[in-house]
Amino acid sequence: LPIRATFLDEISWDIPHQNWGPHEWDRDFHAMKDMGIGTVVMIRSGL
């Protein structure tokens, strides 16, 4: 079952808020694209 989409946790619930910078997120998006993910869903804009 190939994974083509994933949630982006905007990190307001159970992860320290805003703990990654642009370079870490860039590496994460690059890795997601490399593994075939073409859709990202920001799970919420705030909580």
All heavy atoms as atom14 arrays in JSON, in Angstrom:
{
  "sequence": "LPIRATFLDEISWDIPHQNWGPHEWDRDFHAMKDMGIGTVVMIRSGL",
  "atom14_mask": [
    [1, 1, 1, 1, 1, 1, 1, 1, 0, 0, 0, 0, 0, 0],
    [1, 1, 1, 1, 1, 1, 1, 0, 0, 0, 0, 0, 0, 0],
    [1, 1, 1, 1, 1, 1, 1, 1, 0, 0, 0, 0, 0, 0],
    [1, 1, 1, 1, 1, 1, 1, 1, 1, 1, 1, 0, 0, 0],
    [1, 1, 1, 1, 1, 0, 0, 0, 0, 0, 0, 0, 0, 0],
    [1, 1, 1, 1, 1, 1, 1, 0, 0, 0, 0, 0, 0, 0],
    [1, 1, 1, 1, 1, 1, 1, 1, 1, 1, 1, 0, 0, 0],
    [1, 1, 1, 1, 1, 1, 1, 1, 0, 0, 0, 0, 0, 0],
    [1, 1, 1, 1, 1, 1, 1, 1, 0, 0, 0, 0, 0, 0],
    [1, 1, 1, 1, 1, 1, 1, 1, 1, 0, 0, 0, 0, 0],
    [1, 1, 1, 1, 1, 1, 1, 1, 0, 0, 0, 0, 0, 0],
    [1, 1, 1, 1, 1, 1, 0, 0, 0, 0, 0, 0, 0, 0],
    [1, 1, 1, 1, 1, 1, 1, 1, 1, 1, 1, 1, 1, 1],
    [1, 1, 1, 1, 1, 1, 1, 1, 0, 0, 0, 0, 0, 0],
    [1, 1, 1, 1, 1, 1, 1, 1, 0, 0, 0, 0, 0, 0],
    [1, 1, 1, 1, 1, 1, 1, 0, 0, 0, 0, 0, 0, 0],
    [1, 1, 1, 1, 1, 1, 1, 1, 1, 1, 0, 0, 0, 0],
    [1, 1, 1, 1, 1, 1, 1, 1, 1, 0, 0, 0, 0, 0],
    [1, 1, 1, 1, 1, 1, 1, 1, 0, 0, 0, 0, 0, 0],
    [1, 1, 1, 1, 1, 1, 1, 1, 1, 1, 1, 1, 1, 1],
    [1, 1, 1, 1, 0, 0, 0, 0, 0, 0, 0, 0, 0, 0],
    [1, 1, 1, 1, 1, 1, 1, 0, 0, 0, 0, 0, 0, 0],
    [1, 1, 1, 1, 1, 1, 1, 1, 1, 1, 0, 0, 0, 0],
    [1, 1, 1, 1, 1, 1, 1, 1, 1, 0, 0, 0, 0, 0],
    [1, 1, 1, 1, 1, 1, 1, 1, 1, 1, 1, 1, 1, 1],
    [1, 1, 1, 1, 1, 1, 1, 1, 0, 0, 0, 0, 0, 0],
    [1, 1, 1, 1, 1, 1, 1, 1, 1, 1, 1, 0, 0, 0],
    [1, 1, 1, 1, 1, 1, 1, 1, 0, 0, 0, 0, 0, 0],
    [1, 1, 1, 1, 1, 1, 1, 1, 1, 1, 1, 0, 0, 0],
    [1, 1, 1, 1, 1, 1, 1, 1, 1, 1, 0, 0, 0, 0],
    [1, 1, 1, 1, 1, 0, 0, 0, 0, 0, 0, 0, 0, 0],
    [1, 1, 1, 1, 1, 1, 1, 1, 0, 0, 0, 0, 0, 0],
    [1, 1, 1, 1, 1, 1, 1, 1, 1, 0, 0, 0, 0, 0],
    [1, 1, 1, 1, 1, 1, 1, 1, 0, 0, 0, 0, 0, 0],
    [1, 1, 1, 1, 1, 1, 1, 1, 0, 0, 0, 0, 0, 0],
    [1, 1, 1, 1, 0, 0, 0, 0, 0, 0, 0, 0, 0, 0],
    [1, 1, 1, 1, 1, 1, 1, 1, 0, 0, 0, 0, 0, 0],
    [1, 1, 1, 1, 0, 0, 0, 0, 0, 0, 0, 0, 0, 0],
    [1, 1, 1, 1, 1, 1, 1, 0, 0, 0, 0, 0, 0, 0],
    [1, 1, 1, 1, 1, 1, 1, 0, 0, 0, 0, 0, 0, 0],
    [1, 1, 1, 1, 1, 1, 1, 0, 0, 0, 0, 0, 0, 0],
    [1, 1, 1, 1, 1, 1, 1, 1, 0, 0, 0, 0, 0, 0],
    [1, 1, 1, 1, 1, 1, 1, 1, 0, 0, 0, 0, 0, 0],
    [1, 1, 1, 1, 1, 1, 1, 1, 1, 1, 1, 0, 0, 0],
    [1, 1, 1, 1, 1, 1, 0, 0, 0, 0, 0, 0, 0, 0],
    [1, 1, 1, 1, 0, 0, 0, 0, 0, 0, 0, 0, 0, 0],
    [1, 1, 1, 1, 1, 1, 1, 1, 0, 0, 0, 0, 0, 0]
  ],
  "atom14_positions": [
    [[0.85, -1.18, 0.0], [0.0, 0.0, 0.0], [0.89, 1.24, 0.0], [1.39, 1.65, 1.05], [-0.9, 0.0, 1.23], [-1.89, 1.15, 1.34], [-2.91, 1.1, 0.19], [-2.63, 1.07, 2.67], [0.0, 0.0, 0.0], [0.0, 0.0, 0.0], [0.0, 0.0, 0.0], [0.0, 0.0, 0.0], [0.0, 0.0, 0.0], [0.0, 0.0, 0.0]],
    [[1.09, 1.83, -1.17], [1.95, 3.01, -1.2], [1.29, 4.17, -0.46], [0.09, 4.37, -0.54], [2.09, 3.31, -2.68], [0.95, 2.62, -3.35], [0.56, 1.48, -2.47], [0.0, 0.0, 0.0], [0.0, 0.0, 0.0], [0.0, 0.0, 0.0], [0.0, 0.0, 0.0], [0.0, 0.0, 0.0], [0.0, 0.0, 0.0], [0.0, 0.0, 0.0]],
    [[2.08, 4.91, 0.26], [1.6, 6.09, 0.98], [1.83, 7.3, 0.08], [2.97, 7.59, -0.29], [2.32, 6.25, 2.33], [2.01, 5.05, 3.21], [1.91, 7.55, 3.0], [2.81, 5.01, 4.49], [0.0, 0.0, 0.0], [0.0, 0.0, 0.0], [0.0, 0.0, 0.0], [0.0, 0.0, 0.0], [0.0, 0.0, 0.0], [0.0, 0.0, 0.0]],
    [[0.75, 7.98, -0.27], [0.83, 9.11, -1.19], [0.52, 10.45, -0.51], [0.68, 11.5, -1.11], [-0.13, 8.92, -2.36], [0.14, 7.66, -3.17], [1.39, 7.84, -4.01], [1.62, 6.66, -4.82], [2.73, 5.98, -4.84], [3.73, 6.35, -4.07], [2.88, 4.92, -5.59], [0.0, 0.0, 0.0], [0.0, 0.0, 0.0], [0.0, 0.0, 0.0]],
    [[0.04, 10.4, 0.73], [-0.32, 11.62, 1.45], [-0.01, 11.43, 2.93], [0.06, 10.3, 3.41], [-1.79, 11.93, 1.26], [0.0, 0.0, 0.0], [0.0, 0.0, 0.0], [0.0, 0.0, 0.0], [0.0, 0.0, 0.0], [0.0, 0.0, 0.0], [0.0, 0.0, 0.0], [0.0, 0.0, 0.0], [0.0, 0.0, 0.0], [0.0, 0.0, 0.0]],
    [[0.18, 12.55, 3.6], [0.43, 12.5, 5.04], [-0.02, 13.8, 5.7], [-0.2, 14.81, 5.03], [1.92, 12.25, 5.35], [2.07, 11.94, 6.72], [2.79, 13.44, 4.99], [0.0, 0.0, 0.0], [0.0, 0.0, 0.0], [0.0, 0.0, 0.0], [0.0, 0.0, 0.0], [0.0, 0.0, 0.0], [0.0, 0.0, 0.0], [0.0, 0.0, 0.0]],
    [[-0.2, 13.73, 6.99], [-0.51, 14.92, 7.77], [0.78, 15.62, 8.18], [1.78, 14.96, 8.46], [-1.27, 14.55, 9.04], [-2.72, 14.27, 8.82], [-3.21, 12.99, 8.95], [-3.6, 15.29, 8.49], [-4.56, 12.71, 8.76], [-4.95, 15.03, 8.3], [-5.42, 13.75, 8.43], [0.0, 0.0, 0.0], [0.0, 0.0, 0.0], [0.0, 0.0, 0.0]],
    [[0.73, 16.93, 8.21], [1.76, 17.74, 8.83], [1.19, 18.18, 10.16], [0.14, 18.83, 10.21], [2.07, 18.99, 7.99], [2.61, 18.76, 6.59], [2.66, 20.09, 5.84], [3.99, 18.14, 6.66], [0.0, 0.0, 0.0], [0.0, 0.0, 0.0], [0.0, 0.0, 0.0], [0.0, 0.0, 0.0], [0.0, 0.0, 0.0], [0.0, 0.0, 0.0]],
    [[1.83, 17.83, 11.24], [1.37, 18.28, 12.54], [2.01, 19.64, 12.78], [3.22, 19.76, 12.84], [1.76, 17.28, 13.63], [1.09, 17.58, 14.96], [0.61, 18.72, 15.15], [1.04, 16.68, 15.79], [0.0, 0.0, 0.0], [0.0, 0.0, 0.0], [0.0, 0.0, 0.0], [0.0, 0.0, 0.0], [0.0, 0.0, 0.0], [0.0, 0.0, 0.0]],
    [[1.16, 20.64, 12.89], [1.68, 21.98, 13.1], [2.19, 22.16, 14.52], [2.5, 23.26, 14.95], [0.64, 23.01, 12.69], [-0.3, 23.55, 13.71], [-0.96, 22.56, 14.64], [-1.12, 21.37, 14.35], [-1.31, 23.01, 15.74], [0.0, 0.0, 0.0], [0.0, 0.0, 0.0], [0.0, 0.0, 0.0], [0.0, 0.0, 0.0], [0.0, 0.0, 0.0]],
    [[2.3, 21.06, 15.22], [2.94, 20.92, 16.53], [2.35, 21.81, 17.61], [3.06, 22.43, 18.37], [4.48, 21.05, 16.45], [4.91, 22.28, 15.7], [5.08, 19.82, 15.85], [6.4, 22.4, 15.45], [0.0, 0.0, 0.0], [0.0, 0.0, 0.0], [0.0, 0.0, 0.0], [0.0, 0.0, 0.0], [0.0, 0.0, 0.0], [0.0, 0.0, 0.0]],
    [[1.03, 21.81, 17.71], [0.41, 22.58, 18.8], [-0.16, 21.68, 19.89], [-0.68, 22.18, 20.87], [-0.71, 23.47, 18.25], [-1.75, 22.67, 17.75], [0.0, 0.0, 0.0], [0.0, 0.0, 0.0], [0.0, 0.0, 0.0], [0.0, 0.0, 0.0], [0.0, 0.0, 0.0], [0.0, 0.0, 0.0], [0.0, 0.0, 0.0], [0.0, 0.0, 0.0]],
    [[-0.08, 20.41, 19.73], [-0.74, 19.54, 20.7], [0.26, 18.82, 21.6], [0.39, 19.14, 22.76], [-1.65, 18.54, 19.99], [-2.35, 17.62, 20.94], [-2.14, 16.28, 21.08], [-3.33, 17.97, 21.92], [-2.95, 15.77, 22.07], [-3.69, 16.78, 22.6], [-3.94, 19.15, 22.28], [-4.63, 16.76, 23.62], [-4.88, 19.11, 23.3], [-5.21, 17.93, 23.95]],
    [[0.98, 17.87, 21.06], [1.81, 17.03, 21.93], [3.29, 17.08, 21.62], [4.06, 16.29, 22.13], [1.31, 15.58, 21.89], [1.3, 15.01, 20.48], [1.63, 15.74, 19.54], [0.94, 13.84, 20.33], [0.0, 0.0, 0.0], [0.0, 0.0, 0.0], [0.0, 0.0, 0.0], [0.0, 0.0, 0.0], [0.0, 0.0, 0.0], [0.0, 0.0, 0.0]],
    [[3.71, 18.01, 20.81], [5.12, 18.15, 20.45], [5.5, 19.59, 20.79], [4.7, 20.5, 20.57], [5.34, 17.88, 18.95], [4.85, 16.48, 18.59], [6.8, 18.06, 18.56], [4.82, 16.21, 17.1], [0.0, 0.0, 0.0], [0.0, 0.0, 0.0], [0.0, 0.0, 0.0], [0.0, 0.0, 0.0], [0.0, 0.0, 0.0], [0.0, 0.0, 0.0]],
    [[6.68, 19.84, 21.32], [7.05, 21.23, 21.63], [6.82, 22.14, 20.42], [7.25, 21.83, 19.3], [8.53, 21.13, 22.0], [8.68, 19.73, 22.51], [7.72, 18.9, 21.68], [0.0, 0.0, 0.0], [0.0, 0.0, 0.0], [0.0, 0.0, 0.0], [0.0, 0.0, 0.0], [0.0, 0.0, 0.0], [0.0, 0.0, 0.0], [0.0, 0.0, 0.0]],
    [[6.14, 23.22, 20.64], [5.69, 24.09, 19.57], [6.86, 24.7, 18.79], [7.8, 25.22, 19.37], [4.83, 25.2, 20.18], [4.09, 25.99, 19.17], [3.25, 25.42, 18.26], [4.07, 27.3, 18.93], [2.71, 26.36, 17.5], [3.2, 27.52, 17.89], [0.0, 0.0, 0.0], [0.0, 0.0, 0.0], [0.0, 0.0, 0.0], [0.0, 0.0, 0.0]],
    [[6.76, 24.6, 17.47], [7.68, 25.26, 16.55], [9.13, 24.82, 16.77], [10.05, 25.62, 16.75], [7.59, 26.78, 16.71], [6.21, 27.29, 16.85], [5.61, 27.81, 15.55], [6.21, 27.71, 14.5], [4.43, 28.35, 15.62], [0.0, 0.0, 0.0], [0.0, 0.0, 0.0], [0.0, 0.0, 0.0], [0.0, 0.0, 0.0], [0.0, 0.0, 0.0]],
    [[9.33, 23.53, 16.96], [10.67, 23.07, 17.31], [11.59, 22.83, 16.12], [12.75, 22.52, 16.32], [10.6, 21.81, 18.19], [9.91, 20.66, 17.49], [9.29, 20.84, 16.44], [10.01, 19.48, 18.06], [0.0, 0.0, 0.0], [0.0, 0.0, 0.0], [0.0, 0.0, 0.0], [0.0, 0.0, 0.0], [0.0, 0.0, 0.0], [0.0, 0.0, 0.0]],
    [[11.1, 22.94, 14.89], [11.94, 22.8, 13.71], [12.03, 24.13, 12.98], [11.06, 24.89, 12.94], [11.36, 21.78, 12.75], [11.71, 20.36, 13.05], [12.38, 19.86, 14.12], [11.38, 19.24, 12.23], [12.5, 18.5, 14.02], [11.88, 18.09, 12.87], [10.71, 19.09, 11.03], [11.75, 16.82, 12.34], [10.56, 17.82, 10.5], [11.08, 16.7, 11.15]],
    [[13.17, 24.34, 12.35], [13.35, 25.52, 11.51], [13.19, 25.15, 10.05], [12.91, 24.0, 9.7], [0.0, 0.0, 0.0], [0.0, 0.0, 0.0], [0.0, 0.0, 0.0], [0.0, 0.0, 0.0], [0.0, 0.0, 0.0], [0.0, 0.0, 0.0], [0.0, 0.0, 0.0], [0.0, 0.0, 0.0], [0.0, 0.0, 0.0], [0.0, 0.0, 0.0]],
    [[13.4, 26.12, 9.15], [13.2, 25.88, 7.72], [14.07, 24.75, 7.15], [13.61, 24.0, 6.29], [13.59, 27.22, 7.08], [13.39, 28.23, 8.16], [13.69, 27.52, 9.45], [0.0, 0.0, 0.0], [0.0, 0.0, 0.0], [0.0, 0.0, 0.0], [0.0, 0.0, 0.0], [0.0, 0.0, 0.0], [0.0, 0.0, 0.0], [0.0, 0.0, 0.0]],
    [[15.28, 24.6, 7.64], [16.16, 23.56, 7.09], [15.68, 22.17, 7.46], [15.72, 21.24, 6.63], [17.61, 23.78, 7.55], [18.16, 25.08, 7.07], [18.42, 25.35, 5.74], [18.47, 26.21, 7.74], [18.87, 26.58, 5.61], [18.91, 27.13, 6.81], [0.0, 0.0, 0.0], [0.0, 0.0, 0.0], [0.0, 0.0, 0.0], [0.0, 0.0, 0.0]],
    [[15.22, 22.0, 8.7], [14.7, 20.69, 9.1], [13.43, 20.35, 8.33], [13.26, 19.22, 7.88], [14.42, 20.67, 10.61], [15.66, 20.74, 11.48], [16.17, 22.15, 11.72], [15.52, 23.13, 11.29], [17.25, 22.28, 12.34], [0.0, 0.0, 0.0], [0.0, 0.0, 0.0], [0.0, 0.0, 0.0], [0.0, 0.0, 0.0], [0.0, 0.0, 0.0]],
    [[12.54, 21.33, 8.17], [11.31, 21.08, 7.41], [11.63, 20.8, 5.94], [11.0, 19.96, 5.31], [10.34, 22.25, 7.53], [9.55, 22.2, 8.81], [9.63, 23.07, 9.86], [8.58, 21.23, 9.18], [8.77, 22.7, 10.85], [8.1, 21.57, 10.46], [8.06, 20.09, 8.55], [7.13, 20.82, 11.13], [7.09, 19.35, 9.21], [6.64, 19.72, 10.49]],
    [[12.63, 21.5, 5.39], [13.02, 21.25, 4.0], [13.51, 19.81, 3.83], [13.14, 19.13, 2.87], [14.11, 22.24, 3.57], [14.48, 22.1, 2.11], [13.56, 22.13, 1.26], [15.68, 21.97, 1.82], [0.0, 0.0, 0.0], [0.0, 0.0, 0.0], [0.0, 0.0, 0.0], [0.0, 0.0, 0.0], [0.0, 0.0, 0.0], [0.0, 0.0, 0.0]],
    [[14.31, 19.34, 4.76], [14.77, 17.95, 4.68], [13.61, 16.97, 4.78], [13.57, 15.95, 4.1], [15.81, 17.67, 5.77], [17.17, 18.29, 5.46], [18.29, 17.74, 6.34], [18.08, 18.0, 7.76], [18.51, 19.08, 8.4], [19.14, 20.03, 7.75], [18.3, 19.21, 9.7], [0.0, 0.0, 0.0], [0.0, 0.0, 0.0], [0.0, 0.0, 0.0]],
    [[12.63, 17.3, 5.64], [11.46, 16.45, 5.8], [10.62, 16.42, 4.52], [10.21, 15.35, 4.07], [10.62, 16.92, 6.99], [9.67, 15.87, 7.49], [10.08, 14.7, 7.6], [8.51, 16.2, 7.76], [0.0, 0.0, 0.0], [0.0, 0.0, 0.0], [0.0, 0.0, 0.0], [0.0, 0.0, 0.0], [0.0, 0.0, 0.0], [0.0, 0.0, 0.0]],
    [[10.36, 17.56, 3.91], [9.6, 17.61, 2.66], [10.35, 16.86, 1.55], [9.74, 16.14, 0.77], [9.34, 19.06, 2.24], [8.07, 19.62, 2.8], [7.96, 19.95, 4.15], [6.97, 19.85, 1.98], [6.79, 20.48, 4.67], [5.79, 20.38, 2.49], [5.7, 20.7, 3.84], [0.0, 0.0, 0.0], [0.0, 0.0, 0.0], [0.0, 0.0, 0.0]],
    [[11.66, 17.04, 1.5], [12.47, 16.33, 0.5], [12.34, 14.82, 0.69], [12.15, 14.08, -0.28], [13.93, 16.77, 0.62], [14.84, 16.12, -0.37], [14.97, 16.58, -1.65], [15.63, 15.03, -0.26], [15.82, 15.8, -2.3], [16.24, 14.85, -1.48], [0.0, 0.0, 0.0], [0.0, 0.0, 0.0], [0.0, 0.0, 0.0], [0.0, 0.0, 0.0]],
    [[12.44, 14.36, 1.91], [12.32, 12.92, 2.19], [10.92, 12.42, 1.83], [10.78, 11.34, 1.24], [12.62, 12.65, 3.66], [0.0, 0.0, 0.0], [0.0, 0.0, 0.0], [0.0, 0.0, 0.0], [0.0, 0.0, 0.0], [0.0, 0.0, 0.0], [0.0, 0.0, 0.0], [0.0, 0.0, 0.0], [0.0, 0.0, 0.0], [0.0, 0.0, 0.0]],
    [[9.89, 13.19, 2.17], [8.53, 12.78, 1.82], [8.37, 12.66, 0.32], [7.8, 11.68, -0.18], [7.5, 13.76, 2.39], [7.33, 13.68, 3.89], [5.97, 14.69, 4.53], [6.64, 16.34, 4.43], [0.0, 0.0, 0.0], [0.0, 0.0, 0.0], [0.0, 0.0, 0.0], [0.0, 0.0, 0.0], [0.0, 0.0, 0.0], [0.0, 0.0, 0.0]],
    [[8.87, 13.64, -0.41], [8.76, 13.61, -1.88], [9.5, 12.4, -2.44], [8.99, 11.71, -3.33], [9.3, 14.91, -2.47], [9.11, 15.02, -3.96], [7.64, 15.09, -4.32], [7.47, 15.3, -5.82], [6.09, 15.46, -6.21], [0.0, 0.0, 0.0], [0.0, 0.0, 0.0], [0.0, 0.0, 0.0], [0.0, 0.0, 0.0], [0.0, 0.0, 0.0]],
    [[10.7, 12.14, -1.91], [11.49, 10.99, -2.37], [10.78, 9.66, -2.16], [10.97, 8.72, -2.93], [12.85, 10.95, -1.67], [13.85, 11.89, -2.3], [13.54, 12.51, -3.35], [14.96, 12.03, -1.74], [0.0, 0.0, 0.0], [0.0, 0.0, 0.0], [0.0, 0.0, 0.0], [0.0, 0.0, 0.0], [0.0, 0.0, 0.0], [0.0, 0.0, 0.0]],
    [[9.97, 9.57, -1.12], [9.27, 8.3, -0.86], [7.91, 8.23, -1.52], [7.16, 7.28, -1.31], [9.18, 8.01, 0.64], [8.36, 8.98, 1.43], [8.32, 8.6, 3.21], [9.94, 9.01, 3.75], [0.0, 0.0, 0.0], [0.0, 0.0, 0.0], [0.0, 0.0, 0.0], [0.0, 0.0, 0.0], [0.0, 0.0, 0.0], [0.0, 0.0, 0.0]],
    [[7.58, 9.24, -2.35], [6.36, 9.17, -3.14], [5.16, 9.92, -2.58], [4.06, 9.82, -3.13], [0.0, 0.0, 0.0], [0.0, 0.0, 0.0], [0.0, 0.0, 0.0], [0.0, 0.0, 0.0], [0.0, 0.0, 0.0], [0.0, 0.0, 0.0], [0.0, 0.0, 0.0], [0.0, 0.0, 0.0], [0.0, 0.0, 0.0], [0.0, 0.0, 0.0]],
    [[5.36, 10.68, -1.53], [4.25, 11.46, -0.97], [4.08, 12.71, -1.82], [5.02, 13.47, -2.01], [4.5, 11.8, 0.51], [4.44, 10.51, 1.33], [3.5, 12.84, 1.01], [4.81, 10.68, 2.79], [0.0, 0.0, 0.0], [0.0, 0.0, 0.0], [0.0, 0.0, 0.0], [0.0, 0.0, 0.0], [0.0, 0.0, 0.0], [0.0, 0.0, 0.0]],
    [[2.87, 12.92, -2.31], [2.59, 14.07, -3.15], [1.57, 15.02, -2.56], [1.31, 16.09, -3.11], [0.0, 0.0, 0.0], [0.0, 0.0, 0.0], [0.0, 0.0, 0.0], [0.0, 0.0, 0.0], [0.0, 0.0, 0.0], [0.0, 0.0, 0.0], [0.0, 0.0, 0.0], [0.0, 0.0, 0.0], [0.0, 0.0, 0.0], [0.0, 0.0, 0.0]],
    [[1.0, 14.66, -1.42], [-0.02, 15.49, -0.78], [0.28, 15.6, 0.71], [0.51, 14.58, 1.37], [-1.43, 14.88, -0.96], [-1.72, 14.78, -2.36], [-2.49, 15.71, -0.28], [0.0, 0.0, 0.0], [0.0, 0.0, 0.0], [0.0, 0.0, 0.0], [0.0, 0.0, 0.0], [0.0, 0.0, 0.0], [0.0, 0.0, 0.0], [0.0, 0.0, 0.0]],
    [[0.27, 16.85, 1.21], [0.46, 17.08, 2.63], [-0.75, 17.86, 3.15], [-1.26, 18.76, 2.48], [1.77, 17.83, 2.94], [2.97, 16.94, 2.69], [1.89, 19.12, 2.15], [0.0, 0.0, 0.0], [0.0, 0.0, 0.0], [0.0, 0.0, 0.0], [0.0, 0.0, 0.0], [0.0, 0.0, 0.0], [0.0, 0.0, 0.0], [0.0, 0.0, 0.0]],
    [[-1.21, 17.46, 4.31], [-2.39, 18.08, 4.93], [-1.98, 18.61, 6.29], [-1.58, 17.82, 7.16], [-3.53, 17.05, 5.09], [-4.75, 17.7, 5.73], [-3.87, 16.38, 3.77], [0.0, 0.0, 0.0], [0.0, 0.0, 0.0], [0.0, 0.0, 0.0], [0.0, 0.0, 0.0], [0.0, 0.0, 0.0], [0.0, 0.0, 0.0], [0.0, 0.0, 0.0]],
    [[-2.03, 19.93, 6.45], [-1.74, 20.5, 7.77], [-2.94, 20.17, 8.66], [-4.04, 20.64, 8.43], [-1.52, 22.01, 7.69], [-1.01, 22.57, 9.0], [-0.55, 24.31, 8.9], [-2.15, 25.05, 8.71], [0.0, 0.0, 0.0], [0.0, 0.0, 0.0], [0.0, 0.0, 0.0], [0.0, 0.0, 0.0], [0.0, 0.0, 0.0], [0.0, 0.0, 0.0]],
    [[-2.72, 19.37, 9.67], [-3.8, 18.79, 10.46], [-4.67, 19.86, 11.13], [-5.86, 19.66, 11.31], [-3.27, 17.77, 11.47], [-4.41, 16.9, 11.98], [-2.51, 18.44, 12.58], [-3.96, 15.63, 12.66], [0.0, 0.0, 0.0], [0.0, 0.0, 0.0], [0.0, 0.0, 0.0], [0.0, 0.0, 0.0], [0.0, 0.0, 0.0], [0.0, 0.0, 0.0]],
    [[-4.11, 20.98, 11.47], [-4.87, 22.1, 12.01], [-3.98, 23.34, 11.97], [-2.76, 23.23, 12.0], [-5.36, 21.83, 13.43], [-4.28, 21.78, 14.48], [-4.78, 21.42, 15.86], [-5.12, 20.02, 16.02], [-4.24, 19.03, 16.2], [-2.94, 19.28, 16.19], [-4.65, 17.81, 16.36], [0.0, 0.0, 0.0], [0.0, 0.0, 0.0], [0.0, 0.0, 0.0]],
    [[-4.6, 24.5, 11.9], [-3.83, 25.74, 11.87], [-3.59, 26.28, 13.27], [-2.87, 27.26, 13.44], [-4.54, 26.79, 11.02], [-5.87, 26.97, 11.48], [0.0, 0.0, 0.0], [0.0, 0.0, 0.0], [0.0, 0.0, 0.0], [0.0, 0.0, 0.0], [0.0, 0.0, 0.0], [0.0, 0.0, 0.0], [0.0, 0.0, 0.0], [0.0, 0.0, 0.0]],
    [[-4.18, 25.63, 14.22], [-3.99, 26.01, 15.61], [-4.92, 25.22, 16.49], [-5.92, 24.65, 16.02], [0.0, 0.0, 0.0], [0.0, 0.0, 0.0], [0.0, 0.0, 0.0], [0.0, 0.0, 0.0], [0.0, 0.0, 0.0], [0.0, 0.0, 0.0], [0.0, 0.0, 0.0], [0.0, 0.0, 0.0], [0.0, 0.0, 0.0], [0.0, 0.0, 0.0]],
    [[-4.57, 25.18, 17.75], [-5.39, 24.51, 18.74], [-5.34, 25.33, 20.02], [-4.25, 25.54, 20.58], [-4.9, 23.09, 19.01], [-5.66, 22.32, 20.08], [-7.1, 22.04, 19.63], [-4.97, 21.0, 20.4], [0.0, 0.0, 0.0], [0.0, 0.0, 0.0], [0.0, 0.0, 0.0], [0.0, 0.0, 0.0], [0.0, 0.0, 0.0], [0.0, 0.0, 0.0]]
  ]
}
